[in-house]
Amino acid sequence: ARPVEGGAPPGSQLQTFGGYLPPQMEDPLGSYVYLLEVGGKSFGHFTTCSGIGSITEIAKQKVVNKQGQQVIKKVPGSPRWLDITLKRGLSPNMSVWQWRQQVVTGDINATRKNFSIVLLNQKGGQVARWNFSNGWPSKVEALNSREMPPIETLVITHEGMKRIQ
Protein backbone atom coordinates (compact mmCIF):
# COMPACT_ATOMS: atom_id res chain seq x y z
CA ALA A 1 0.00 0.00 0.00
CA ARG A 2 1.14 3.52 -0.62
CA PRO A 3 0.64 6.36 1.84
CA VAL A 4 -1.71 9.19 1.06
CA GLU A 5 -0.53 12.56 2.29
CA GLY A 6 -2.86 13.44 5.14
CA GLY A 7 -5.46 10.89 4.05
CA ALA A 8 -8.41 11.80 1.84
CA PRO A 9 -9.45 15.45 1.70
CA PRO A 10 -12.66 16.18 3.61
CA GLY A 11 -15.70 15.51 1.43
CA SER A 12 -13.70 13.76 -1.30
CA GLN A 13 -14.72 10.57 -3.05
CA LEU A 14 -11.26 9.05 -2.38
CA GLN A 15 -11.60 6.11 -0.04
CA THR A 16 -8.59 5.40 2.15
CA PHE A 17 -7.88 2.66 4.61
CA GLY A 18 -5.99 4.14 7.55
CA GLY A 19 -4.42 6.77 5.27
CA TYR A 20 -3.33 4.22 2.66
CA LEU A 21 -4.64 3.36 -0.80
CA PRO A 22 -4.96 -0.35 -1.51
CA PRO A 23 -2.22 -1.56 -3.91
CA GLN A 24 -4.67 -2.84 -6.54
CA MET A 25 -6.21 0.60 -7.03
CA GLU A 26 -5.05 2.03 -10.37
CA ASP A 27 -4.68 5.72 -11.08
CA PRO A 28 -7.44 6.54 -13.61
CA LEU A 29 -5.78 9.87 -14.44
CA GLY A 30 -2.40 8.39 -15.39
CA SER A 31 -0.72 8.70 -18.75
CA TYR A 32 -2.61 6.59 -21.23
CA VAL A 33 -1.97 6.10 -24.93
CA TYR A 34 -4.27 4.83 -27.68
CA LEU A 35 -2.90 2.37 -30.23
CA LEU A 36 -4.63 2.28 -33.62
CA GLU A 37 -4.54 -1.06 -35.44
CA VAL A 38 -5.95 -1.15 -38.99
CA GLY A 39 -6.32 -4.49 -40.74
CA GLY A 40 -4.17 -6.06 -38.02
CA LYS A 41 -1.26 -3.59 -38.51
CA SER A 42 -0.20 -0.82 -36.16
CA PHE A 43 -0.92 2.65 -37.52
CA GLY A 44 0.65 4.37 -34.53
CA HIS A 45 -0.03 5.74 -31.07
CA PHE A 46 -2.32 8.66 -30.26
CA THR A 47 -2.56 10.79 -27.13
CA THR A 48 -6.29 11.52 -27.27
CA CYS A 49 -9.31 9.62 -28.51
CA SER A 50 -12.99 10.54 -28.53
CA GLY A 51 -16.18 9.17 -30.07
CA ILE A 52 -16.05 5.58 -28.87
CA GLY A 53 -19.75 4.99 -28.45
CA SER A 54 -23.16 4.87 -30.05
CA ILE A 55 -26.50 6.61 -29.93
CA THR A 56 -29.91 5.08 -30.46
CA GLU A 57 -32.31 7.31 -32.33
CA ILE A 58 -35.68 7.78 -30.67
CA ALA A 59 -38.71 6.92 -32.76
CA LYS A 60 -42.14 8.25 -31.84
CA GLN A 61 -45.33 6.26 -32.33
CA LYS A 62 -48.93 7.29 -31.78
CA VAL A 63 -50.70 4.63 -29.70
CA VAL A 64 -53.97 4.35 -27.82
CA ASN A 65 -53.50 3.66 -24.10
CA LYS A 66 -55.80 1.60 -21.84
CA GLN A 67 -57.98 4.64 -21.19
CA GLY A 68 -58.59 5.07 -24.93
CA GLN A 69 -56.43 8.21 -25.16
CA GLN A 70 -54.04 8.75 -27.99
CA VAL A 71 -50.49 9.21 -26.67
CA ILE A 72 -47.00 9.40 -28.11
CA LYS A 73 -44.81 6.42 -27.19
CA LYS A 74 -41.04 6.70 -27.53
CA VAL A 75 -39.32 3.54 -28.76
CA PRO A 76 -35.75 2.71 -29.71
CA GLY A 77 -34.94 3.43 -33.34
CA SER A 78 -31.81 2.70 -35.32
CA PRO A 79 -28.42 2.72 -33.63
CA ARG A 80 -25.90 5.26 -34.88
CA TRP A 81 -22.17 4.93 -34.30
CA LEU A 82 -20.13 8.01 -33.40
CA ASP A 83 -17.13 8.96 -35.49
CA ILE A 84 -13.78 8.28 -33.82
CA THR A 85 -11.38 11.22 -33.44
CA LEU A 86 -7.73 10.49 -32.65
CA LYS A 87 -5.02 13.10 -32.06
CA ARG A 88 -1.25 12.98 -31.72
CA GLY A 89 1.81 15.06 -32.34
CA LEU A 90 2.63 15.23 -36.04
CA SER A 91 4.38 11.98 -36.93
CA PRO A 92 6.67 11.00 -39.80
CA ASN A 93 4.50 7.83 -40.07
CA MET A 94 2.52 8.21 -43.32
CA SER A 95 0.11 5.27 -42.85
CA VAL A 96 -2.97 7.38 -41.97
CA TRP A 97 -2.29 9.78 -44.87
CA GLN A 98 -1.93 6.86 -47.30
CA TRP A 99 -5.16 5.32 -45.99
CA ARG A 100 -6.94 8.66 -46.43
CA GLN A 101 -5.56 8.99 -49.99
CA GLN A 102 -7.55 5.88 -50.96
CA VAL A 103 -10.76 7.77 -50.06
CA VAL A 104 -9.64 10.86 -51.99
CA THR A 105 -9.00 8.77 -55.13
CA GLY A 106 -12.41 7.10 -54.82
CA ASP A 107 -11.30 3.59 -53.88
CA ILE A 108 -13.77 3.37 -50.97
CA ASN A 109 -14.27 -0.42 -51.14
CA ALA A 110 -10.53 -1.01 -50.60
CA THR A 111 -10.49 1.73 -47.98
CA ARG A 112 -13.09 0.14 -45.67
CA LYS A 113 -11.16 -1.79 -43.05
CA ASN A 114 -11.82 -3.39 -39.70
CA PHE A 115 -9.78 -1.63 -37.05
CA SER A 116 -9.13 -1.63 -33.31
CA ILE A 117 -8.35 1.00 -30.72
CA VAL A 118 -6.36 -0.29 -27.77
CA LEU A 119 -6.01 1.75 -24.58
CA LEU A 120 -2.53 1.22 -23.12
CA ASN A 121 -1.42 2.16 -19.60
CA GLN A 122 1.87 3.79 -18.56
CA LYS A 123 3.69 0.43 -18.75
CA GLY A 124 2.35 -0.46 -22.20
CA GLY A 125 -0.19 -2.94 -20.81
CA GLN A 126 -3.56 -3.28 -22.49
CA VAL A 127 -6.38 -1.73 -20.42
CA ALA A 128 -9.22 -1.89 -22.96
CA ARG A 129 -9.81 -2.85 -26.61
CA TRP A 130 -12.57 -1.87 -29.01
CA ASN A 131 -13.04 -3.51 -32.41
CA PHE A 132 -14.73 -1.59 -35.23
CA SER A 133 -16.07 -2.71 -38.59
CA ASN A 134 -15.82 -1.15 -42.05
CA GLY A 135 -13.98 1.99 -41.00
CA TRP A 136 -12.55 4.60 -43.31
CA PRO A 137 -10.77 7.92 -42.66
CA SER A 138 -13.23 10.74 -43.28
CA LYS A 139 -10.74 13.44 -42.24
CA VAL A 140 -7.00 13.86 -41.71
CA GLU A 141 -5.65 17.21 -40.61
CA ALA A 142 -2.29 18.59 -39.52
CA LEU A 143 -2.31 21.81 -37.52
CA ASN A 144 0.73 23.96 -36.97
CA SER A 145 0.86 26.80 -34.52
CA ARG A 146 3.64 28.78 -32.91
CA GLU A 147 1.95 28.30 -29.54
CA MET A 148 1.86 24.50 -29.63
CA PRO A 149 3.52 21.59 -31.41
CA PRO A 150 1.93 20.46 -34.70
CA ILE A 151 -1.03 18.16 -34.06
CA GLU A 152 -2.28 15.45 -36.41
CA THR A 153 -6.00 14.66 -36.26
CA LEU A 154 -7.63 11.56 -37.74
CA VAL A 155 -11.41 11.06 -37.93
CA ILE A 156 -12.64 7.54 -38.73
CA THR A 157 -16.21 6.76 -39.76
CA HIS A 158 -17.37 3.17 -39.19
CA GLU A 159 -20.38 0.86 -39.23
CA GLY A 160 -20.24 -0.82 -35.83
CA MET A 161 -18.19 -1.45 -32.71
CA LYS A 162 -17.77 -3.83 -29.84
CA ARG A 163 -15.71 -3.53 -26.66
CA ILE A 164 -13.93 -6.83 -26.17
CA GLN A 165 -11.85 -5.96 -23.13
C-alpha atoms as a PDB file:
ATOM      1  CA  ALA A   1       0.000   0.000   0.000  1.00  0.00           C
ATOM      2  CA  ARG A   2       1.139   3.525  -0.620  1.00  0.00           C
ATOM      3  CA  PRO A   3       0.638   6.362   1.844  1.00  0.00           C
ATOM      4  CA  VAL A   4      -1.711   9.192   1.060  1.00  0.00           C
ATOM      5  CA  GLU A   5      -0.526  12.559   2.291  1.00  0.00           C
ATOM      6  CA  GLY A   6      -2.857  13.440   5.140  1.00  0.00           C
ATOM      7  CA  GLY A   7      -5.456  10.893   4.048  1.00  0.00           C
ATOM      8  CA  ALA A   8      -8.406  11.800   1.835  1.00  0.00           C
ATOM      9  CA  PRO A   9      -9.454  15.454   1.700  1.00  0.00           C
ATOM     10  CA  PRO A  10     -12.660  16.182   3.614  1.00  0.00           C
ATOM     11  CA  GLY A  11     -15.702  15.515   1.428  1.00  0.00           C
ATOM     12  CA  SER A  12     -13.696  13.764  -1.301  1.00  0.00           C
ATOM     13  CA  GLN A  13     -14.715  10.568  -3.048  1.00  0.00           C
ATOM     14  CA  LEU A  14     -11.262   9.048  -2.382  1.00  0.00           C
ATOM     15  CA  GLN A  15     -11.601   6.106  -0.037  1.00  0.00           C
ATOM     16  CA  THR A  16      -8.586   5.400   2.148  1.00  0.00           C
ATOM     17  CA  PHE A  17      -7.880   2.662   4.611  1.00  0.00           C
ATOM     18  CA  GLY A  18      -5.991   4.140   7.555  1.00  0.00           C
ATOM     19  CA  GLY A  19      -4.416   6.772   5.270  1.00  0.00           C
ATOM     20  CA  TYR A  20      -3.327   4.220   2.665  1.00  0.00           C
ATOM     21  CA  LEU A  21      -4.643   3.360  -0.803  1.00  0.00           C
ATOM     22  CA  PRO A  22      -4.961  -0.345  -1.511  1.00  0.00           C
ATOM     23  CA  PRO A  23      -2.218  -1.557  -3.906  1.00  0.00           C
ATOM     24  CA  GLN A  24      -4.669  -2.843  -6.542  1.00  0.00           C
ATOM     25  CA  MET A  25      -6.210   0.597  -7.035  1.00  0.00           C
ATOM     26  CA  GLU A  26      -5.048   2.033 -10.374  1.00  0.00           C
ATOM     27  CA  ASP A  27      -4.676   5.723 -11.084  1.00  0.00           C
ATOM     28  CA  PRO A  28      -7.440   6.536 -13.609  1.00  0.00           C
ATOM     29  CA  LEU A  29      -5.777   9.867 -14.435  1.00  0.00           C
ATOM     30  CA  GLY A  30      -2.402   8.385 -15.388  1.00  0.00           C
ATOM     31  CA  SER A  31      -0.716   8.699 -18.750  1.00  0.00           C
ATOM     32  CA  TYR A  32      -2.606   6.592 -21.233  1.00  0.00           C
ATOM     33  CA  VAL A  33      -1.966   6.101 -24.931  1.00  0.00           C
ATOM     34  CA  TYR A  34      -4.273   4.825 -27.679  1.00  0.00           C
ATOM     35  CA  LEU A  35      -2.899   2.373 -30.227  1.00  0.00           C
ATOM     36  CA  LEU A  36      -4.626   2.276 -33.617  1.00  0.00           C
ATOM     37  CA  GLU A  37      -4.537  -1.057 -35.441  1.00  0.00           C
ATOM     38  CA  VAL A  38      -5.950  -1.154 -38.988  1.00  0.00           C
ATOM     39  CA  GLY A  39      -6.316  -4.486 -40.739  1.00  0.00           C
ATOM     40  CA  GLY A  40      -4.167  -6.061 -38.019  1.00  0.00           C
ATOM     41  CA  LYS A  41      -1.265  -3.594 -38.514  1.00  0.00           C
ATOM     42  CA  SER A  42      -0.200  -0.820 -36.159  1.00  0.00           C
ATOM     43  CA  PHE A  43      -0.924   2.649 -37.523  1.00  0.00           C
ATOM     44  CA  GLY A  44       0.649   4.366 -34.529  1.00  0.00           C
ATOM     45  CA  HIS A  45      -0.030   5.740 -31.069  1.00  0.00           C
ATOM     46  CA  PHE A  46      -2.316   8.660 -30.260  1.00  0.00           C
ATOM     47  CA  THR A  47      -2.560  10.790 -27.130  1.00  0.00           C
ATOM     48  CA  THR A  48      -6.292  11.520 -27.271  1.00  0.00           C
ATOM     49  CA  CYS A  49      -9.310   9.620 -28.510  1.00  0.00           C
ATOM     50  CA  SER A  50     -12.994  10.537 -28.533  1.00  0.00           C
ATOM     51  CA  GLY A  51     -16.177   9.173 -30.066  1.00  0.00           C
ATOM     52  CA  ILE A  52     -16.047   5.582 -28.871  1.00  0.00           C
ATOM     53  CA  GLY A  53     -19.751   4.991 -28.448  1.00  0.00           C
ATOM     54  CA  SER A  54     -23.164   4.867 -30.046  1.00  0.00           C
ATOM     55  CA  ILE A  55     -26.499   6.610 -29.928  1.00  0.00           C
ATOM     56  CA  THR A  56     -29.907   5.076 -30.463  1.00  0.00           C
ATOM     57  CA  GLU A  57     -32.306   7.305 -32.328  1.00  0.00           C
ATOM     58  CA  ILE A  58     -35.675   7.778 -30.671  1.00  0.00           C
ATOM     59  CA  ALA A  59     -38.712   6.918 -32.762  1.00  0.00           C
ATOM     60  CA  LYS A  60     -42.142   8.245 -31.837  1.00  0.00           C
ATOM     61  CA  GLN A  61     -45.333   6.258 -32.329  1.00  0.00           C
ATOM     62  CA  LYS A  62     -48.927   7.290 -31.777  1.00  0.00           C
ATOM     63  CA  VAL A  63     -50.698   4.632 -29.697  1.00  0.00           C
ATOM     64  CA  VAL A  64     -53.968   4.346 -27.820  1.00  0.00           C
ATOM     65  CA  ASN A  65     -53.501   3.663 -24.099  1.00  0.00           C
ATOM     66  CA  LYS A  66     -55.804   1.596 -21.836  1.00  0.00           C
ATOM     67  CA  GLN A  67     -57.979   4.640 -21.193  1.00  0.00           C
ATOM     68  CA  GLY A  68     -58.589   5.067 -24.929  1.00  0.00           C
ATOM     69  CA  GLN A  69     -56.434   8.206 -25.161  1.00  0.00           C
ATOM     70  CA  GLN A  70     -54.035   8.753 -27.995  1.00  0.00           C
ATOM     71  CA  VAL A  71     -50.489   9.211 -26.672  1.00  0.00           C
ATOM     72  CA  ILE A  72     -46.997   9.401 -28.110  1.00  0.00           C
ATOM     73  CA  LYS A  73     -44.813   6.423 -27.193  1.00  0.00           C
ATOM     74  CA  LYS A  74     -41.041   6.702 -27.532  1.00  0.00           C
ATOM     75  CA  VAL A  75     -39.320   3.544 -28.760  1.00  0.00           C
ATOM     76  CA  PRO A  76     -35.746   2.705 -29.710  1.00  0.00           C
ATOM     77  CA  GLY A  77     -34.942   3.434 -33.336  1.00  0.00           C
ATOM     78  CA  SER A  78     -31.808   2.699 -35.316  1.00  0.00           C
ATOM     79  CA  PRO A  79     -28.421   2.716 -33.629  1.00  0.00           C
ATOM     80  CA  ARG A  80     -25.900   5.255 -34.883  1.00  0.00           C
ATOM     81  CA  TRP A  81     -22.165   4.933 -34.301  1.00  0.00           C
ATOM     82  CA  LEU A  82     -20.135   8.008 -33.396  1.00  0.00           C
ATOM     83  CA  ASP A  83     -17.131   8.964 -35.489  1.00  0.00           C
ATOM     84  CA  ILE A  84     -13.784   8.280 -33.817  1.00  0.00           C
ATOM     85  CA  THR A  85     -11.384  11.225 -33.443  1.00  0.00           C
ATOM     86  CA  LEU A  86      -7.729  10.486 -32.654  1.00  0.00           C
ATOM     87  CA  LYS A  87      -5.025  13.101 -32.062  1.00  0.00           C
ATOM     88  CA  ARG A  88      -1.246  12.981 -31.724  1.00  0.00           C
ATOM     89  CA  GLY A  89       1.811  15.057 -32.340  1.00  0.00           C
ATOM     90  CA  LEU A  90       2.631  15.229 -36.044  1.00  0.00           C
ATOM     91  CA  SER A  91       4.383  11.982 -36.929  1.00  0.00           C
ATOM     92  CA  PRO A  92       6.668  10.996 -39.802  1.00  0.00           C
ATOM     93  CA  ASN A  93       4.499   7.830 -40.066  1.00  0.00           C
ATOM     94  CA  MET A  94       2.520   8.210 -43.321  1.00  0.00           C
ATOM     95  CA  SER A  95       0.112   5.273 -42.848  1.00  0.00           C
ATOM     96  CA  VAL A  96      -2.974   7.384 -41.973  1.00  0.00           C
ATOM     97  CA  TRP A  97      -2.290   9.776 -44.871  1.00  0.00           C
ATOM     98  CA  GLN A  98      -1.929   6.863 -47.301  1.00  0.00           C
ATOM     99  CA  TRP A  99      -5.161   5.322 -45.994  1.00  0.00           C
ATOM    100  CA  ARG A 100      -6.939   8.661 -46.428  1.00  0.00           C
ATOM    101  CA  GLN A 101      -5.565   8.990 -49.990  1.00  0.00           C
ATOM    102  CA  GLN A 102      -7.552   5.880 -50.961  1.00  0.00           C
ATOM    103  CA  VAL A 103     -10.756   7.765 -50.058  1.00  0.00           C
ATOM    104  CA  VAL A 104      -9.640  10.856 -51.988  1.00  0.00           C
ATOM    105  CA  THR A 105      -8.997   8.770 -55.129  1.00  0.00           C
ATOM    106  CA  GLY A 106     -12.413   7.102 -54.819  1.00  0.00           C
ATOM    107  CA  ASP A 107     -11.303   3.588 -53.876  1.00  0.00           C
ATOM    108  CA  ILE A 108     -13.770   3.372 -50.972  1.00  0.00           C
ATOM    109  CA  ASN A 109     -14.267  -0.422 -51.135  1.00  0.00           C
ATOM    110  CA  ALA A 110     -10.532  -1.014 -50.605  1.00  0.00           C
ATOM    111  CA  THR A 111     -10.488   1.726 -47.978  1.00  0.00           C
ATOM    112  CA  ARG A 112     -13.095   0.142 -45.674  1.00  0.00           C
ATOM    113  CA  LYS A 113     -11.161  -1.786 -43.045  1.00  0.00           C
ATOM    114  CA  ASN A 114     -11.820  -3.390 -39.699  1.00  0.00           C
ATOM    115  CA  PHE A 115      -9.777  -1.634 -37.053  1.00  0.00           C
ATOM    116  CA  SER A 116      -9.130  -1.632 -33.310  1.00  0.00           C
ATOM    117  CA  ILE A 117      -8.350   0.997 -30.722  1.00  0.00           C
ATOM    118  CA  VAL A 118      -6.360  -0.294 -27.773  1.00  0.00           C
ATOM    119  CA  LEU A 119      -6.013   1.751 -24.580  1.00  0.00           C
ATOM    120  CA  LEU A 120      -2.526   1.225 -23.121  1.00  0.00           C
ATOM    121  CA  ASN A 121      -1.419   2.160 -19.605  1.00  0.00           C
ATOM    122  CA  GLN A 122       1.869   3.792 -18.556  1.00  0.00           C
ATOM    123  CA  LYS A 123       3.687   0.433 -18.750  1.00  0.00           C
ATOM    124  CA  GLY A 124       2.349  -0.464 -22.204  1.00  0.00           C
ATOM    125  CA  GLY A 125      -0.192  -2.941 -20.809  1.00  0.00           C
ATOM    126  CA  GLN A 126      -3.565  -3.280 -22.490  1.00  0.00           C
ATOM    127  CA  VAL A 127      -6.377  -1.734 -20.424  1.00  0.00           C
ATOM    128  CA  ALA A 128      -9.218  -1.889 -22.961  1.00  0.00           C
ATOM    129  CA  ARG A 129      -9.812  -2.850 -26.605  1.00  0.00           C
ATOM    130  CA  TRP A 130     -12.572  -1.867 -29.011  1.00  0.00           C
ATOM    131  CA  ASN A 131     -13.043  -3.514 -32.410  1.00  0.00           C
ATOM    132  CA  PHE A 132     -14.728  -1.585 -35.227  1.00  0.00           C
ATOM    133  CA  SER A 133     -16.071  -2.714 -38.595  1.00  0.00           C
ATOM    134  CA  ASN A 134     -15.824  -1.145 -42.048  1.00  0.00           C
ATOM    135  CA  GLY A 135     -13.980   1.986 -40.998  1.00  0.00           C
ATOM    136  CA  TRP A 136     -12.547   4.603 -43.313  1.00  0.00           C
ATOM    137  CA  PRO A 137     -10.773   7.917 -42.660  1.00  0.00           C
ATOM    138  CA  SER A 138     -13.232  10.741 -43.284  1.00  0.00           C
ATOM    139  CA  LYS A 139     -10.737  13.443 -42.238  1.00  0.00           C
ATOM    140  CA  VAL A 140      -7.001  13.860 -41.714  1.00  0.00           C
ATOM    141  CA  GLU A 141      -5.648  17.212 -40.613  1.00  0.00           C
ATOM    142  CA  ALA A 142      -2.293  18.586 -39.515  1.00  0.00           C
ATOM    143  CA  LEU A 143      -2.308  21.814 -37.516  1.00  0.00           C
ATOM    144  CA  ASN A 144       0.735  23.960 -36.974  1.00  0.00           C
ATOM    145  CA  SER A 145       0.859  26.805 -34.523  1.00  0.00           C
ATOM    146  CA  ARG A 146       3.640  28.777 -32.914  1.00  0.00           C
ATOM    147  CA  GLU A 147       1.947  28.303 -29.539  1.00  0.00           C
ATOM    148  CA  MET A 148       1.864  24.502 -29.632  1.00  0.00           C
ATOM    149  CA  PRO A 149       3.519  21.589 -31.413  1.00  0.00           C
ATOM    150  CA  PRO A 150       1.930  20.456 -34.700  1.00  0.00           C
ATOM    151  CA  ILE A 151      -1.033  18.155 -34.057  1.00  0.00           C
ATOM    152  CA  GLU A 152      -2.277  15.452 -36.407  1.00  0.00           C
ATOM    153  CA  THR A 153      -5.999  14.659 -36.257  1.00  0.00           C
ATOM    154  CA  LEU A 154      -7.631  11.561 -37.744  1.00  0.00           C
ATOM    155  CA  VAL A 155     -11.414  11.058 -37.926  1.00  0.00           C
ATOM    156  CA  ILE A 156     -12.640   7.544 -38.727  1.00  0.00           C
ATOM    157  CA  THR A 157     -16.209   6.761 -39.756  1.00  0.00           C
ATOM    158  CA  HIS A 158     -17.366   3.172 -39.189  1.00  0.00           C
ATOM    159  CA  GLU A 159     -20.379   0.857 -39.228  1.00  0.00           C
ATOM    160  CA  GLY A 160     -20.239  -0.823 -35.834  1.00  0.00           C
ATOM    161  CA  MET A 161     -18.190  -1.450 -32.708  1.00  0.00           C
ATOM    162  CA  LYS A 162     -17.774  -3.835 -29.840  1.00  0.00           C
ATOM    163  CA  ARG A 163     -15.710  -3.535 -26.662  1.00  0.00           C
ATOM    164  CA  ILE A 164     -13.930  -6.833 -26.174  1.00  0.00           C
ATOM    165  CA  GLN A 165     -11.847  -5.958 -23.133  1.00  0.00           C
END
